[in-house]
Protein backbone atom coordinates (compact mmCIF):
# COMPACT_ATOMS: atom_id res chain seq x y z
CA MET A 1 63.08 -15.51 7.00
CA LYS A 2 60.55 -13.13 8.96
CA ASN A 3 59.10 -11.90 5.91
CA TYR A 4 58.95 -15.35 4.24
CA LEU A 5 57.41 -17.12 7.23
CA ARG A 6 55.25 -13.37 7.62
CA GLY A 7 54.12 -13.68 3.78
CA SER A 8 53.22 -17.80 4.52
CA VAL A 9 51.04 -16.65 7.07
CA ALA A 10 49.30 -13.29 5.62
CA ALA A 11 48.39 -16.48 2.82
CA LEU A 12 47.20 -18.68 5.02
CA GLY A 13 44.74 -15.93 6.06
CA LEU A 14 43.93 -15.01 3.12
CA VAL A 15 42.71 -18.65 2.53
CA ALA A 16 41.40 -19.34 5.17
CA ALA A 17 39.01 -16.28 5.37
CA ALA A 18 37.80 -17.09 1.38
CA GLY A 19 37.16 -20.66 2.29
CA ALA A 20 34.77 -18.61 5.61
CA ALA A 21 33.11 -16.54 2.46
CA PHE A 22 32.84 -19.53 0.12
CA ALA A 23 31.02 -21.98 3.60
CA GLN A 24 28.81 -18.88 3.77
CA GLU A 25 25.63 -19.27 2.39
CA THR A 26 23.51 -16.58 0.38
CA VAL A 27 19.77 -16.45 0.53
CA VAL A 28 18.67 -14.03 -2.16
CA VAL A 29 15.63 -11.42 -1.57
CA ILE A 30 13.13 -10.48 -3.52
CA THR A 31 12.07 -7.31 -2.11
CA SER A 32 9.54 -4.26 -2.25
CA PHE A 33 10.73 -2.83 1.23
CA PRO A 34 13.02 0.32 1.07
CA ASP A 35 16.24 -0.28 2.71
CA SER A 36 15.07 1.98 5.05
CA MET A 37 13.76 -0.83 5.95
CA THR A 38 15.26 -4.00 5.40
CA ALA A 39 18.69 -2.60 6.27
CA PRO A 40 18.37 -2.75 10.37
CA ILE A 41 16.18 -6.30 9.75
CA GLU A 42 19.24 -7.71 7.42
CA ALA A 43 21.90 -6.96 10.00
CA ALA A 44 20.50 -8.26 12.86
CA PHE A 45 19.16 -10.68 11.51
CA GLU A 46 22.95 -11.53 9.84
CA ALA A 47 24.33 -11.04 13.71
CA ALA A 48 22.46 -14.13 14.48
CA TYR A 49 23.44 -15.90 12.14
CA PRO A 50 26.88 -15.02 10.08
CA ASP A 51 26.78 -18.09 7.75
CA ILE A 52 24.26 -16.46 6.04
CA ASP A 53 24.57 -13.55 3.66
CA LEU A 54 21.22 -12.03 2.87
CA GLU A 55 21.43 -10.54 -1.02
CA ILE A 56 18.49 -8.16 -0.88
CA LEU A 57 17.43 -7.51 -4.50
CA ASN A 58 14.66 -4.08 -3.72
CA LYS A 59 11.86 -4.10 -6.97
CA LYS A 60 8.31 -2.41 -6.40
CA THR A 61 6.01 -5.35 -6.00
CA SER A 62 4.22 -6.19 -9.44
CA ALA A 63 8.46 -5.94 -10.89
CA GLY A 64 9.45 -8.31 -8.36
CA VAL A 65 6.32 -10.86 -9.23
CA LYS A 66 7.12 -10.26 -12.86
CA TYR A 67 10.74 -10.94 -11.92
CA ILE A 68 10.21 -14.91 -10.52
CA GLN A 69 7.98 -15.39 -12.73
CA GLU A 70 10.58 -14.96 -15.35
CA ILE A 71 13.30 -16.71 -14.08
CA ALA A 72 11.13 -19.75 -13.04
CA GLY A 73 12.80 -21.47 -15.48
CA GLN A 74 16.54 -21.60 -13.91
CA ASN A 75 15.31 -19.94 -10.76
CA THR A 76 18.02 -17.94 -8.58
CA ALA A 77 15.68 -16.05 -5.92
CA ASP A 78 15.01 -17.61 -2.38
CA VAL A 79 12.69 -15.34 -0.76
CA PHE A 80 9.90 -13.01 -1.95
CA TRP A 81 9.31 -10.27 0.88
CA ALA A 82 6.53 -7.39 0.04
CA SER A 83 3.33 -6.16 1.96
CA ALA A 84 0.70 -6.74 -0.53
CA PRO A 85 -1.53 -9.92 -0.15
CA ASP A 86 -2.41 -10.77 -3.53
CA ALA A 87 0.84 -10.51 -4.85
CA PHE A 88 1.05 -13.65 -3.06
CA GLU A 89 -1.59 -15.59 -4.29
CA VAL A 90 -0.20 -14.55 -7.65
CA LEU A 91 2.34 -16.15 -7.46
CA LYS A 92 0.79 -19.30 -5.31
CA ASN A 93 -1.52 -19.34 -8.03
CA ASP A 94 1.59 -19.50 -11.08
CA GLY A 95 2.69 -22.68 -8.67
CA LEU A 96 6.01 -20.46 -8.13
CA LEU A 97 6.07 -20.79 -4.31
CA ALA A 98 7.54 -23.65 -2.05
CA SER A 99 5.03 -25.15 0.78
CA VAL A 100 7.51 -24.91 3.65
CA GLU A 101 6.72 -25.87 7.44
CA VAL A 102 8.24 -22.75 9.60
CA THR A 103 8.26 -22.50 13.50
CA SER A 104 6.91 -20.56 15.67
CA GLU A 105 6.18 -19.18 19.11
CA GLY A 106 3.05 -17.44 20.36
CA ILE A 107 1.96 -16.00 16.94
CA PRO A 108 -2.10 -15.90 16.85
CA ASP A 109 -3.88 -16.93 13.52
CA ILE A 110 -5.56 -14.14 12.88
CA ILE A 111 -4.73 -10.02 13.33
CA GLY A 112 -8.06 -8.14 13.16
CA SER A 113 -10.39 -9.90 11.51
CA TYR A 114 -7.53 -11.21 8.52
CA PRO A 115 -5.41 -14.67 8.86
CA LEU A 116 -2.12 -14.19 9.37
CA ASN A 117 -0.74 -17.01 6.91
CA ASP A 118 -1.51 -18.92 4.47
CA PRO A 119 -3.66 -22.02 5.56
CA ASP A 120 -1.51 -24.25 2.92
CA GLY A 121 2.07 -22.76 4.02
CA TYR A 122 2.98 -20.96 0.93
CA TYR A 123 3.65 -17.71 2.61
CA TYR A 124 3.53 -16.26 6.07
CA GLY A 125 2.55 -12.68 8.24
CA PHE A 126 6.04 -11.39 9.56
CA ALA A 127 3.96 -7.95 10.29
CA ALA A 128 0.97 -5.85 9.70
CA ALA A 129 -0.62 -2.72 8.22
CA GLY A 130 -3.44 -0.64 8.00
CA TYR A 131 -4.60 2.08 5.96
CA GLY A 132 -5.80 6.17 6.98
CA ILE A 133 -5.16 9.67 7.01
CA MET A 134 -1.30 10.64 8.19
CA TRP A 135 -1.74 14.66 8.61
CA ASN A 136 1.42 17.78 9.55
CA GLU A 137 0.17 19.79 12.70
CA ARG A 138 1.73 22.52 11.92
CA TYR A 139 0.32 22.64 8.14
CA LEU A 140 -2.79 22.32 9.78
CA ALA A 141 -2.69 24.51 12.32
CA ALA A 142 -1.20 27.24 9.89
CA ASN A 143 -4.39 26.85 7.86
CA GLY A 144 -6.76 26.65 10.33
CA LEU A 145 -7.40 23.13 10.31
CA ASP A 146 -8.64 19.93 12.37
CA PRO A 147 -6.95 17.16 12.02
CA ALA A 148 -9.33 14.58 9.28
CA ARG A 149 -9.92 11.04 11.17
CA GLU A 150 -12.50 9.24 8.87
CA TRP A 151 -12.48 8.86 4.86
CA ALA A 152 -15.32 10.97 4.46
CA GLU A 153 -13.90 13.81 6.75
CA LEU A 154 -11.24 14.05 3.75
CA ALA A 155 -13.86 15.04 1.12
CA ASN A 156 -14.80 17.98 3.19
CA PRO A 157 -14.94 21.16 2.08
CA GLU A 158 -12.13 22.61 4.22
CA TYR A 159 -9.94 20.30 3.29
CA HIS A 160 -9.46 20.90 -0.49
CA GLY A 161 -6.63 21.62 -1.93
CA HIS A 162 -5.08 19.83 0.96
CA VAL A 163 -4.74 16.33 0.57
CA GLY A 164 -2.24 13.98 -1.25
CA MET A 165 -2.25 10.17 -2.43
CA SER A 166 -0.74 8.35 -4.76
CA ALA A 167 -2.34 6.40 -7.55
CA PRO A 168 -3.23 2.46 -6.67
CA SER A 169 -1.72 1.96 -10.56
CA ARG A 170 2.23 2.92 -9.08
CA SER A 171 1.67 1.82 -5.36
CA GLY A 172 0.75 -2.01 -4.14
CA THR A 173 -0.06 0.22 -0.89
CA THR A 174 -2.37 2.26 -2.16
CA HIS A 175 -4.16 0.12 -4.27
CA LEU A 176 -4.78 -2.14 -0.87
CA THR A 177 -6.37 1.25 0.65
CA VAL A 178 -8.83 2.04 -2.51
CA GLU A 179 -9.66 -2.09 -2.66
CA THR A 180 -10.68 -1.81 1.30
CA LEU A 181 -12.78 0.93 1.00
CA LEU A 182 -14.79 -0.38 -1.97
CA GLN A 183 -14.79 -3.43 -0.08
CA GLY A 184 -15.54 -1.60 3.36
CA GLU A 185 -18.50 0.89 1.51
CA GLY A 186 -19.40 -1.13 -1.36
CA TRP A 187 -18.26 -0.43 -4.91
CA ASP A 188 -20.59 2.38 -5.71
CA ALA A 189 -20.86 4.55 -2.39
CA GLY A 190 -16.61 3.26 -2.26
CA TRP A 191 -16.55 4.81 -5.82
CA ALA A 192 -18.31 7.66 -4.60
CA GLU A 193 -16.23 8.79 -2.00
CA TRP A 194 -12.65 8.63 -3.99
CA LYS A 195 -14.06 10.66 -5.69
CA TRP A 196 -14.99 13.02 -3.28
CA ILE A 197 -11.83 12.71 -1.62
CA ALA A 198 -9.62 13.42 -4.24
CA GLY A 199 -12.13 16.75 -5.20
CA ASN A 200 -9.83 18.16 -2.65
CA PHE A 201 -6.63 16.45 -3.81
CA SER A 202 -3.41 18.46 -3.88
CA THR A 203 -1.27 16.16 -6.09
CA VAL A 204 -1.60 12.42 -6.86
CA THR A 205 2.63 11.00 -6.21
CA GLU A 206 4.32 9.29 -8.46
CA ARG A 207 5.25 6.66 -5.69
CA SER A 208 3.16 6.00 -2.27
CA PHE A 209 6.44 7.42 -0.55
CA GLY A 210 6.07 10.69 -1.97
CA VAL A 211 2.69 11.17 0.15
CA PRO A 212 4.53 11.02 3.33
CA ASP A 213 7.38 12.97 2.04
CA GLY A 214 5.36 15.66 1.20
CA VAL A 215 3.17 15.76 4.71
CA ASN A 216 6.34 15.94 6.28
CA THR A 217 7.92 18.52 4.51
CA GLY A 218 4.28 20.12 4.55
CA ASN A 219 4.06 20.48 1.01
CA PHE A 220 0.36 19.47 1.76
CA GLY A 221 -1.28 18.83 4.94
CA LEU A 222 -3.29 15.38 4.91
CA GLY A 223 -1.83 11.99 3.44
CA ILE A 224 -3.72 8.61 2.41
CA VAL A 225 -0.99 6.22 3.59
CA ILE A 226 -0.21 3.15 4.91
CA ASP A 227 0.02 3.25 8.49
CA PHE A 228 4.39 2.25 8.95
CA PHE A 229 4.90 6.10 7.19
CA GLY A 230 2.73 7.94 9.62
CA PHE A 231 4.28 5.97 12.68
CA SER A 232 7.96 6.20 10.58
CA SER A 233 7.97 10.06 10.71
CA LYS A 234 6.19 11.03 13.90
CA ALA A 235 9.25 8.61 15.45
CA SER A 236 11.92 10.73 13.77
CA GLY A 237 11.16 13.84 14.74
CA PHE A 238 8.57 15.07 12.00
CA PRO A 239 5.30 16.85 13.63
CA VAL A 240 3.39 14.62 12.46
CA ASP A 241 0.56 12.10 13.24
CA PHE A 242 -1.85 9.45 11.93
CA ALA A 243 -5.05 8.09 12.15
CA TYR A 244 -7.00 4.99 11.69
CA PRO A 245 -10.37 5.44 10.11
CA THR A 246 -13.14 3.39 10.98
CA VAL A 247 -13.38 1.52 7.69
CA THR A 248 -10.01 -0.10 7.53
CA ALA A 249 -8.21 -3.29 7.36
CA LEU A 250 -5.20 -4.39 8.91
CA VAL A 251 -4.11 -7.08 6.52
CA PRO A 252 -0.54 -8.79 7.03
CA ALA A 253 2.70 -8.02 5.49
CA ASN A 254 4.44 -11.78 4.00
CA ILE A 255 7.02 -13.28 3.21
CA ALA A 256 7.54 -16.69 1.21
CA VAL A 257 10.10 -18.95 -0.09
CA VAL A 258 9.83 -19.01 -3.81
CA LYS A 259 9.85 -22.68 -5.60
CA ASP A 260 13.21 -24.23 -6.49
CA ALA A 261 14.65 -21.92 -4.23
CA PRO A 262 18.76 -22.36 -4.13
CA ASN A 263 18.67 -22.13 -0.48
CA SER A 264 15.34 -23.04 1.11
CA ASP A 265 16.68 -24.33 4.37
CA ALA A 266 18.51 -20.83 4.88
CA ALA A 267 15.15 -18.48 3.40
CA VAL A 268 12.73 -20.69 6.29
CA THR A 269 16.06 -19.36 8.47
CA PHE A 270 14.99 -16.33 7.97
CA ILE A 271 11.71 -16.56 7.87
CA GLU A 272 11.36 -18.53 11.44
CA TYR A 273 14.05 -15.45 12.77
CA LEU A 274 11.66 -12.48 11.99
CA LEU A 275 8.82 -14.48 14.21
CA THR A 276 11.41 -14.09 16.79
CA PRO A 277 10.91 -12.18 19.78
CA GLU A 278 14.65 -10.61 18.61
CA GLY A 279 13.65 -10.43 15.49
CA GLN A 280 9.92 -8.67 15.76
CA GLN A 281 11.83 -6.71 17.70
CA VAL A 282 13.06 -5.30 14.97
CA LEU A 283 10.23 -4.31 13.27
CA LEU A 284 9.98 -1.39 16.63
CA ASP A 285 12.82 0.26 14.36
CA PRO A 286 12.39 4.13 14.30
CA ALA A 287 12.73 3.83 10.64
CA ILE A 288 10.44 0.96 10.62
CA MET A 289 7.42 1.33 12.60
CA ARG A 290 5.26 -1.83 11.35
CA LEU A 291 2.84 -3.36 13.60
CA PRO A 292 4.55 -6.77 15.09
CA VAL A 293 2.27 -10.54 14.70
CA ASN A 294 3.66 -11.44 18.36
CA PRO A 295 1.29 -10.19 21.17
CA ALA A 296 4.42 -10.14 23.61
CA THR A 297 6.77 -7.30 21.60
CA TYR A 298 4.45 -4.82 21.97
CA ALA A 299 5.18 -4.84 25.78
CA ASN A 300 8.39 -3.22 24.32
CA ALA A 301 6.64 -0.80 22.11
CA PRO A 302 6.93 2.99 22.23
CA GLU A 303 4.01 4.64 23.81
CA GLY A 304 1.07 5.05 22.05
CA PHE A 305 2.27 2.26 19.65
CA PRO A 306 -1.31 1.12 18.35
CA ASN A 307 -1.80 -2.54 19.69
CA PRO A 308 -4.43 -4.35 17.78
CA PHE A 309 -4.11 -7.27 19.63
CA GLU A 310 -5.80 -5.18 22.77
CA ASP A 311 -7.41 -2.33 19.88
CA SER A 312 -9.98 -5.06 18.21
CA SER A 313 -11.30 -1.84 16.63
CA ILE A 314 -8.54 -1.55 14.37
CA GLY A 315 -9.30 -3.27 11.33
CA ALA A 316 -12.40 -5.60 12.56
CA ALA A 317 -14.67 -3.09 9.84
CA VAL A 318 -13.52 -4.62 6.98
CA SER A 319 -13.20 -8.80 5.99
CA PHE A 320 -11.18 -8.06 3.52
CA ASP A 321 -11.23 -10.59 0.69
CA VAL A 322 -7.89 -10.97 -1.03
CA ALA A 323 -9.24 -13.60 -3.43
CA LYS A 324 -11.67 -10.23 -4.69
CA SER A 325 -8.80 -7.67 -4.97
CA GLY A 326 -6.45 -10.40 -6.90
CA ALA A 327 -9.75 -11.24 -9.30
CA ARG A 328 -10.36 -7.19 -10.36
CA TYR A 329 -6.57 -5.61 -9.21
CA ASN A 330 -5.49 -4.23 -12.61
CA LEU A 331 -8.95 -3.57 -13.49
CA VAL A 332 -9.62 -1.46 -9.98
CA ASN A 333 -5.98 0.58 -10.91
CA SER A 334 -7.48 1.70 -14.35
CA LEU A 335 -10.70 2.49 -12.98
CA PHE A 336 -9.31 5.08 -10.67
CA ASP A 337 -6.72 6.01 -13.03
CA VAL A 338 -9.41 7.37 -15.84
CA MET A 339 -11.90 8.69 -13.32
CA ILE A 340 -9.03 10.65 -10.51
CA THR A 341 -5.41 10.26 -11.64
CA TYR A 342 -5.93 11.37 -15.57
CA ARG A 343 -8.76 13.70 -15.04
CA LEU A 344 -7.96 15.41 -11.65
CA ASP A 345 -8.07 19.17 -13.03
CA ASP A 346 -11.26 17.96 -14.36
CA LEU A 347 -12.41 16.46 -11.01
CA ARG A 348 -10.22 19.42 -8.64
CA ALA A 349 -12.54 21.62 -10.51
CA ALA A 350 -16.36 19.91 -10.38
CA VAL A 351 -16.17 19.43 -6.93
CA GLY A 352 -14.80 23.02 -6.26
CA ALA A 353 -17.48 24.60 -8.02
CA ILE A 354 -20.22 22.29 -6.30
CA GLN A 355 -18.49 23.19 -2.93
CA ALA A 356 -18.73 26.89 -3.49
CA ALA A 357 -22.53 26.53 -4.54
CA GLU A 358 -23.74 24.25 -1.39
CA ALA A 359 -22.01 27.13 1.04
CA LYS A 360 -23.78 29.16 -0.58
CA HIS A 361 -27.17 27.50 -0.45
CA MET A 362 -27.24 25.38 2.39
CA ASP A 363 -29.44 27.65 3.77
CA SER A 364 -30.99 29.41 1.19
CA GLY A 365 -34.15 27.46 0.55
CA ASN A 366 -33.84 27.98 -3.22
CA ALA A 367 -35.44 24.60 -4.48
CA GLU A 368 -34.16 25.00 -8.23
CA ALA A 369 -30.54 25.71 -6.96
CA LEU A 370 -30.69 22.30 -4.83
CA ALA A 371 -31.72 20.61 -7.76
CA LEU A 372 -28.91 21.67 -10.00
CA ILE A 373 -26.59 21.14 -7.07
CA ALA A 374 -27.71 16.91 -6.43
CA GLU A 375 -27.58 16.37 -10.63
CA ALA A 376 -24.52 17.79 -10.14
CA ARG A 377 -23.59 15.61 -7.23
CA ALA A 378 -25.31 12.58 -9.64
CA LEU A 379 -23.11 12.91 -12.56
CA ILE A 380 -19.39 13.32 -10.52
CA GLU A 381 -20.91 9.49 -8.37
CA ALA A 382 -21.37 7.95 -11.71
CA ASN A 383 -19.92 4.67 -12.14
CA PRO A 384 -19.00 3.02 -15.49
CA ILE A 385 -19.34 -0.26 -14.07
CA THR A 386 -21.54 -2.08 -11.80
CA GLU A 387 -19.39 -4.49 -9.51
CA ALA A 388 -20.49 -7.99 -11.33
CA GLN A 389 -19.12 -6.76 -14.45
CA SER A 390 -15.83 -6.32 -12.03
CA LEU A 391 -15.58 -9.45 -11.09
CA ASP A 392 -16.41 -11.07 -14.03
CA PRO A 393 -13.81 -12.91 -14.87
CA ASP A 394 -14.20 -12.25 -18.77
CA PHE A 395 -14.31 -8.95 -18.26
CA ALA A 396 -11.45 -8.14 -15.49
CA GLY A 397 -9.10 -10.49 -17.75
CA ILE A 398 -9.42 -7.70 -20.54
CA PHE A 399 -7.21 -5.35 -18.14
CA THR A 400 -3.83 -7.24 -18.53
CA LYS A 401 -1.36 -4.64 -18.29
CA LYS A 402 -0.98 -1.39 -15.28
CA ARG A 403 -0.01 1.63 -16.87
CA LYS A 404 2.90 3.62 -15.47
CA LYS A 405 2.11 6.95 -17.13
CA GLU A 406 -0.79 7.84 -18.98
CA THR A 407 1.00 7.77 -22.13
CA ASP A 408 1.77 3.80 -21.90
CA GLU A 409 0.61 1.34 -24.15
CA VAL A 410 -1.95 -1.46 -23.17
CA GLY A 411 -4.29 -4.53 -25.25
CA PRO A 412 -6.57 -2.55 -27.85
CA ARG A 413 -9.62 -4.21 -25.86
CA GLN A 414 -8.61 -2.89 -22.48
CA ALA A 415 -8.04 1.32 -25.01
CA GLU A 416 -11.08 0.86 -26.18
CA ILE A 417 -12.97 0.51 -22.74
CA GLU A 418 -10.90 3.24 -21.19
CA GLN A 419 -11.30 5.55 -24.06
CA GLU A 420 -15.14 4.78 -23.30
CA TRP A 421 -14.44 5.42 -19.40
CA ASP A 422 -13.27 8.98 -20.34
CA ALA A 423 -15.34 10.23 -22.43
CA MET A 424 -17.92 9.91 -19.96
CA VAL A 425 -16.00 11.43 -17.23
CA VAL A 426 -15.17 14.33 -18.74
CA GLU A 427 -18.72 14.77 -20.37
CA ASN A 428 -19.88 14.29 -16.36
CA TYR A 429 -17.39 16.45 -15.08
CA THR A 430 -18.22 19.17 -17.05
CA ARG A 431 -21.80 19.17 -17.12
CA ALA A 432 -21.15 19.14 -13.31
CA ARG A 433 -19.36 22.11 -13.16
CA GLU A 434 -21.52 24.02 -15.51
CA LEU A 435 -24.63 22.93 -13.27
CA ALA A 436 -22.77 23.97 -10.01
CA GLU A 437 -21.56 27.35 -11.70
CA GLN A 438 -25.58 27.95 -12.90
CA ALA A 439 -26.63 27.45 -8.76
CA LEU A 440 -23.89 29.41 -7.53
CA ALA A 441 -25.19 32.14 -9.89
CA MET A 442 -28.63 32.11 -8.20
């Protein structure tokens, strides 16, 4: 009899547990954020709302956009959660996001010079991010180098072979970094700066997290990163630091409810939680270290943590135009890869030769040598297209595919234009190196 009762009680317990599990709502979240960020937030949210289960599907930003586009007819996703604001604009323009009303207190309308939320309610900023330079203090000391705090400093000869960056075609956050400099410095000046910086590259990593990993381990001394990579590495005990250059943008990382979400109410609950003081506090977890959008949260921030609501210089120099960035997204990625990623050895050799010639003739007064150097520099800085072309919808529309590697096939017209660019780049870099070596021999 006792065994029977024990078995009945156990069976009732299983039924009750099954009933509780059945009653629990599941919110499917498509996100580009790593587990190191999503796991602490997921744990905190589910502790606050035990009746809601977050199911995290991790995808790169571009893959997440494509996934939501593909399942639009029978949508199973509730939330899209990522850094790149132009990805949200793509989904909004495709009619694949839901306009929802989110309740929040203490959240301002702008951060830096950028609107925090979509004015039509299709996506909301929950954290902010800027772009800058991270360095390994031990590496720099061992190599007799000082930290670079401005973009232009990374082009200085002493940093040759010491800098790392990921390709914008492989990282949405790196794309925003590239576009920020193009918008802040201007199209031609911005590309010239990127090429002089890239001439000092040690490597172009395949993923954005490869850059902080390289700096943390001392594979190279300085990296171009989104801010939280630097902050979280420093909080984790690595001998690193980070600085915002003057020309940087501060843009929100966003979250949105997908159109026809199966659990839209629970999805809104998750978004509202992220904006509460409790949710914002989780952003200061040492593994996350994102800039909260609630100014009150900074009272609990670690010493030295930047506060964009008190330091108005962060992100003030660039009014980032997300529409411009989105309109030429693939074009900018292709141009960077053709001029830098795929021709890094050629560019690095040409820049190194120019640096050597400039060092020799800095005070020589040799007019012929200086003229050769100036010609070599102009060849490096030459741009295959104008900014007007980059913003021409017909021309930008040719670039329909984002490569993951050089051998990926693209449309015939895109391939044709990229081959024209490549021919120009190879000729210019080769000739620039020859001219610099000629000047060096004088």
